[in-house]
């Protein structure tokens, strides 16, 4: 395994149901890398950044943990923000070389140009309620295709209106999968569903399935 001795800062690895994104519902091996360059107001993974602790784990041992823990090909690399660690690119390449179906969950503030082509990219566009809207890197749309997804997490109607403007400005529905997800415990899923239906557009709504199943 090339460069398998590269060490990454890891918050946790675990096996669970994928709760969101293009592969929702599949049993998935998760690699949650440590650290983030943003600070969203409604972040639900604060434990993946300082002052919390992390483990240093080699790429070889991360891949071995996947091979030993499950028979599922689905692997999700998440955070925090995975792309702040240089070694993540080799991690993705190594998982692909072993036949994994790899998805990357990223906050959309760092260029996706170097992400391997075989990886399914799930990129956030930060809405106003996150407090991080100014960090959206819209040029990343140029590195996405139909297998990839752009995810908007919405807390209120202002977020919804903002998201619709972005969709129309960049013609996202013809380019990628578009996902709307309510902030858990803040926006009623039923309300978001009605807003989406009123658009008459093929916007996919998702709840965080793992939370409703009381899973990690």
Protein backbone atom coordinates (compact mmCIF):
# COMPACT_ATOMS: atom_id res chain seq x y z
CA UNK A 1 0.00 0.00 0.00
CA UNK A 2 1.77 3.21 -1.13
CA UNK A 3 2.35 5.88 1.52
CA UNK A 4 0.45 3.78 4.05
CA UNK A 5 2.61 5.15 6.85
CA UNK A 6 1.03 8.61 6.50
CA UNK A 7 -0.59 9.51 9.82
CA UNK A 8 -3.89 11.35 10.14
CA UNK A 9 -5.59 13.05 13.07
CA UNK A 10 -8.70 10.95 13.65
CA UNK A 11 -11.66 11.75 15.87
CA UNK A 12 -13.33 8.36 15.49
CA UNK A 13 -14.00 5.45 13.17
CA UNK A 14 -17.28 3.57 13.38
CA UNK A 15 -19.78 1.45 11.46
CA UNK A 16 -23.35 2.68 11.13
CA UNK A 17 -26.22 3.42 8.77
CA UNK A 18 -25.48 6.29 6.41
CA UNK A 19 -28.02 8.89 7.45
CA UNK A 20 -27.76 11.37 4.57
CA UNK A 21 -26.36 12.02 1.12
CA UNK A 22 -26.49 9.93 -2.07
CA UNK A 23 -25.87 6.65 -0.21
CA UNK A 24 -28.41 7.17 2.56
CA UNK A 25 -29.54 3.92 4.19
CA UNK A 26 -26.47 1.83 3.38
CA UNK A 27 -24.37 0.28 6.16
CA UNK A 28 -21.22 2.38 6.03
CA UNK A 29 -17.76 2.57 7.56
CA UNK A 30 -17.13 6.14 8.73
CA UNK A 31 -13.79 7.84 9.18
CA UNK A 32 -14.29 11.10 11.07
CA UNK A 33 -11.14 13.18 10.78
CA UNK A 34 -10.28 15.75 13.40
CA UNK A 35 -10.28 19.52 12.96
CA UNK A 36 -12.36 22.08 11.11
CA UNK A 37 -11.71 25.47 9.57
CA UNK A 38 -15.29 26.69 10.16
CA UNK A 39 -17.50 27.15 13.22
CA UNK A 40 -21.15 26.73 12.28
CA UNK A 41 -23.67 27.87 14.87
CA UNK A 42 -25.61 24.60 14.69
CA UNK A 43 -22.64 22.25 14.34
CA UNK A 44 -23.47 18.77 15.65
CA UNK A 45 -19.88 17.48 15.67
CA UNK A 46 -18.07 19.96 17.88
CA UNK A 47 -16.25 17.03 19.42
CA UNK A 48 -14.28 16.69 16.17
CA UNK A 49 -12.27 19.85 16.80
CA UNK A 50 -10.29 21.48 19.64
CA UNK A 51 -10.33 21.39 22.62
CA UNK A 52 -11.36 17.75 22.23
CA UNK A 53 -8.77 15.03 21.75
CA UNK A 54 -7.84 13.02 18.69
CA UNK A 55 -5.86 9.90 17.84
CA UNK A 56 -3.03 9.72 15.35
CA UNK A 57 -3.67 6.74 13.08
CA UNK A 58 -1.82 5.58 9.96
CA UNK A 59 -3.66 5.19 6.68
CA UNK A 60 -2.72 1.51 6.70
CA UNK A 61 -4.45 0.97 10.05
CA UNK A 62 -7.52 2.95 9.02
CA UNK A 63 -7.98 0.78 5.93
CA UNK A 64 -7.32 -2.39 7.93
CA UNK A 65 -10.01 -1.34 10.43
CA UNK A 66 -12.51 -1.12 7.56
CA UNK A 67 -11.49 -4.49 6.19
CA UNK A 68 -11.84 -6.17 9.59
CA UNK A 69 -15.01 -4.48 10.82
CA UNK A 70 -17.50 -5.04 8.02
CA UNK A 71 -18.30 -6.50 4.62
CA UNK A 72 -19.80 -3.29 3.29
CA UNK A 73 -18.02 -1.47 0.44
CA UNK A 74 -19.35 1.92 1.55
CA UNK A 75 -16.85 4.26 3.20
CA UNK A 76 -17.55 7.86 4.19
CA UNK A 77 -14.76 10.28 5.06
CA UNK A 78 -16.13 13.12 7.13
CA UNK A 79 -15.21 15.56 9.89
CA UNK A 80 -14.80 18.20 11.01
CA UNK A 81 -13.44 19.14 7.63
CA UNK A 82 -11.42 16.32 6.08
CA UNK A 83 -9.64 18.43 3.47
CA UNK A 84 -7.61 20.40 6.00
CA UNK A 85 -5.37 17.34 6.37
CA UNK A 86 -3.04 16.73 3.43
CA UNK A 87 -3.01 12.99 4.00
CA UNK A 88 -6.71 12.65 3.24
CA UNK A 89 -6.02 12.56 -0.50
CA UNK A 90 -3.89 9.45 -0.11
CA UNK A 91 -6.50 7.95 2.22
CA UNK A 92 -9.16 8.33 -0.46
CA UNK A 93 -6.87 6.84 -3.12
CA UNK A 94 -6.07 3.85 -0.94
CA UNK A 95 -9.70 3.11 -0.13
CA UNK A 96 -10.53 3.28 -3.85
CA UNK A 97 -7.66 0.93 -4.67
CA UNK A 98 -9.24 -1.69 -2.39
CA UNK A 99 -12.63 -1.40 -4.12
CA UNK A 100 -14.40 0.81 -1.59
CA UNK A 101 -17.30 3.03 -2.62
CA UNK A 102 -15.96 6.26 -1.17
CA UNK A 103 -17.84 9.44 -0.33
CA UNK A 104 -16.38 12.65 1.02
CA UNK A 105 -18.41 15.01 3.21
CA UNK A 106 -16.95 18.51 3.00
CA UNK A 107 -18.04 21.97 4.10
CA UNK A 108 -17.39 23.50 0.68
CA UNK A 109 -14.83 26.07 1.76
CA UNK A 110 -11.76 24.27 0.34
CA UNK A 111 -11.07 23.48 -3.31
CA UNK A 112 -12.22 20.06 -4.52
CA UNK A 113 -9.87 20.05 -7.48
CA UNK A 114 -7.55 17.40 -6.00
CA UNK A 115 -10.24 14.98 -4.83
CA UNK A 116 -9.86 11.69 -6.76
CA UNK A 117 -12.41 11.25 -9.54
CA UNK A 118 -13.80 8.03 -8.14
CA UNK A 119 -14.94 9.71 -4.92
CA UNK A 120 -18.54 10.87 -4.54
CA UNK A 121 -18.40 14.39 -3.19
CA UNK A 122 -21.09 15.66 -0.81
CA UNK A 123 -20.49 19.38 -0.50
CA UNK A 124 -22.25 21.80 1.81
CA UNK A 125 -23.27 25.28 0.87
CA UNK A 126 -23.44 27.16 4.13
CA UNK A 127 -26.71 29.00 4.69
CA UNK A 128 -27.03 32.32 6.58
CA UNK A 129 -28.04 30.67 9.87
CA UNK A 130 -24.71 28.83 9.98
CA UNK A 131 -22.83 32.10 10.32
CA UNK A 132 -20.32 30.76 7.78
CA UNK A 133 -21.97 31.83 4.52
CA UNK A 134 -19.00 34.04 3.57
CA UNK A 135 -16.75 30.99 3.26
CA UNK A 136 -18.73 29.30 0.48
CA UNK A 137 -16.38 28.51 -2.42
CA UNK A 138 -18.76 28.55 -5.36
CA UNK A 139 -16.05 27.70 -7.88
CA UNK A 140 -16.18 24.18 -6.42
CA UNK A 141 -19.28 23.59 -8.54
CA UNK A 142 -16.84 23.17 -11.44
CA UNK A 143 -15.47 20.02 -9.79
CA UNK A 144 -18.84 18.30 -9.29
CA UNK A 145 -20.90 16.09 -11.58
CA UNK A 146 -24.15 14.13 -11.53
CA UNK A 147 -22.92 11.54 -9.04
CA UNK A 148 -22.11 14.27 -6.52
CA UNK A 149 -24.40 16.22 -4.20
CA UNK A 150 -24.71 19.77 -2.93
CA UNK A 151 -26.32 19.88 0.50
CA UNK A 152 -28.06 22.83 2.11
CA UNK A 153 -28.78 22.63 5.85
CA UNK A 154 -31.69 24.93 6.67
CA UNK A 155 -32.89 26.41 9.93
CA UNK A 156 -35.53 28.85 8.71
CA UNK A 157 -37.24 30.45 5.72
CA UNK A 158 -34.36 32.87 5.17
CA UNK A 159 -32.09 29.87 4.65
CA UNK A 160 -34.61 28.39 2.23
CA UNK A 161 -34.82 31.57 0.13
CA UNK A 162 -31.03 31.85 0.08
CA UNK A 163 -30.71 28.23 -1.05
CA UNK A 164 -33.21 28.67 -3.87
CA UNK A 165 -31.28 31.69 -5.13
CA UNK A 166 -28.04 29.69 -5.23
CA UNK A 167 -29.74 26.80 -7.03
CA UNK A 168 -31.12 29.10 -9.72
CA UNK A 169 -27.99 31.24 -10.12
CA UNK A 170 -25.73 28.23 -10.71
CA UNK A 171 -28.30 25.97 -12.43
CA UNK A 172 -27.53 23.28 -9.87
CA UNK A 173 -30.44 20.98 -10.66
CA UNK A 174 -28.97 20.24 -14.09
CA UNK A 175 -25.49 19.64 -12.70
CA UNK A 176 -25.66 17.75 -9.39
CA UNK A 177 -27.98 16.17 -6.87
CA UNK A 178 -29.44 18.86 -4.62
CA UNK A 179 -30.32 17.98 -1.04
CA UNK A 180 -32.18 20.05 1.56
CA UNK A 181 -31.87 18.97 5.18
CA UNK A 182 -33.45 20.64 8.24
CA UNK A 183 -31.34 21.56 11.25
CA UNK A 184 -32.22 18.79 13.69
CA UNK A 185 -34.54 20.08 16.40
CA UNK A 186 -34.78 23.56 14.87
CA UNK A 187 -36.85 23.27 11.67
CA UNK A 188 -39.77 20.85 11.50
CA UNK A 189 -39.25 18.39 8.63
CA UNK A 190 -42.91 18.75 7.69
CA UNK A 191 -42.48 22.48 7.14
CA UNK A 192 -39.43 22.00 4.94
CA UNK A 193 -41.27 19.33 2.94
CA UNK A 194 -44.10 21.76 2.20
CA UNK A 195 -41.65 24.46 1.08
CA UNK A 196 -39.97 22.02 -1.29
CA UNK A 197 -43.27 20.83 -2.72
CA UNK A 198 -44.27 24.42 -3.44
CA UNK A 199 -41.21 24.83 -5.69
CA UNK A 200 -42.31 21.94 -7.94
CA UNK A 201 -38.60 21.25 -8.43
CA UNK A 202 -36.67 17.94 -8.07
CA UNK A 203 -34.98 18.90 -4.82
CA UNK A 204 -34.33 15.92 -2.58
CA UNK A 205 -35.29 16.30 1.06
CA UNK A 206 -33.43 14.32 3.69
CA UNK A 207 -33.60 14.10 7.43
CA UNK A 208 -30.59 12.80 9.35
CA UNK A 209 -31.82 9.22 9.42
CA UNK A 210 -29.23 8.04 11.91
CA UNK A 211 -30.48 10.50 14.51
CA UNK A 212 -34.07 9.29 14.18
CA UNK A 213 -32.78 5.73 14.57
CA UNK A 214 -30.74 6.78 17.63
CA UNK A 215 -27.50 5.72 15.94
CA UNK A 216 -24.17 7.50 15.66
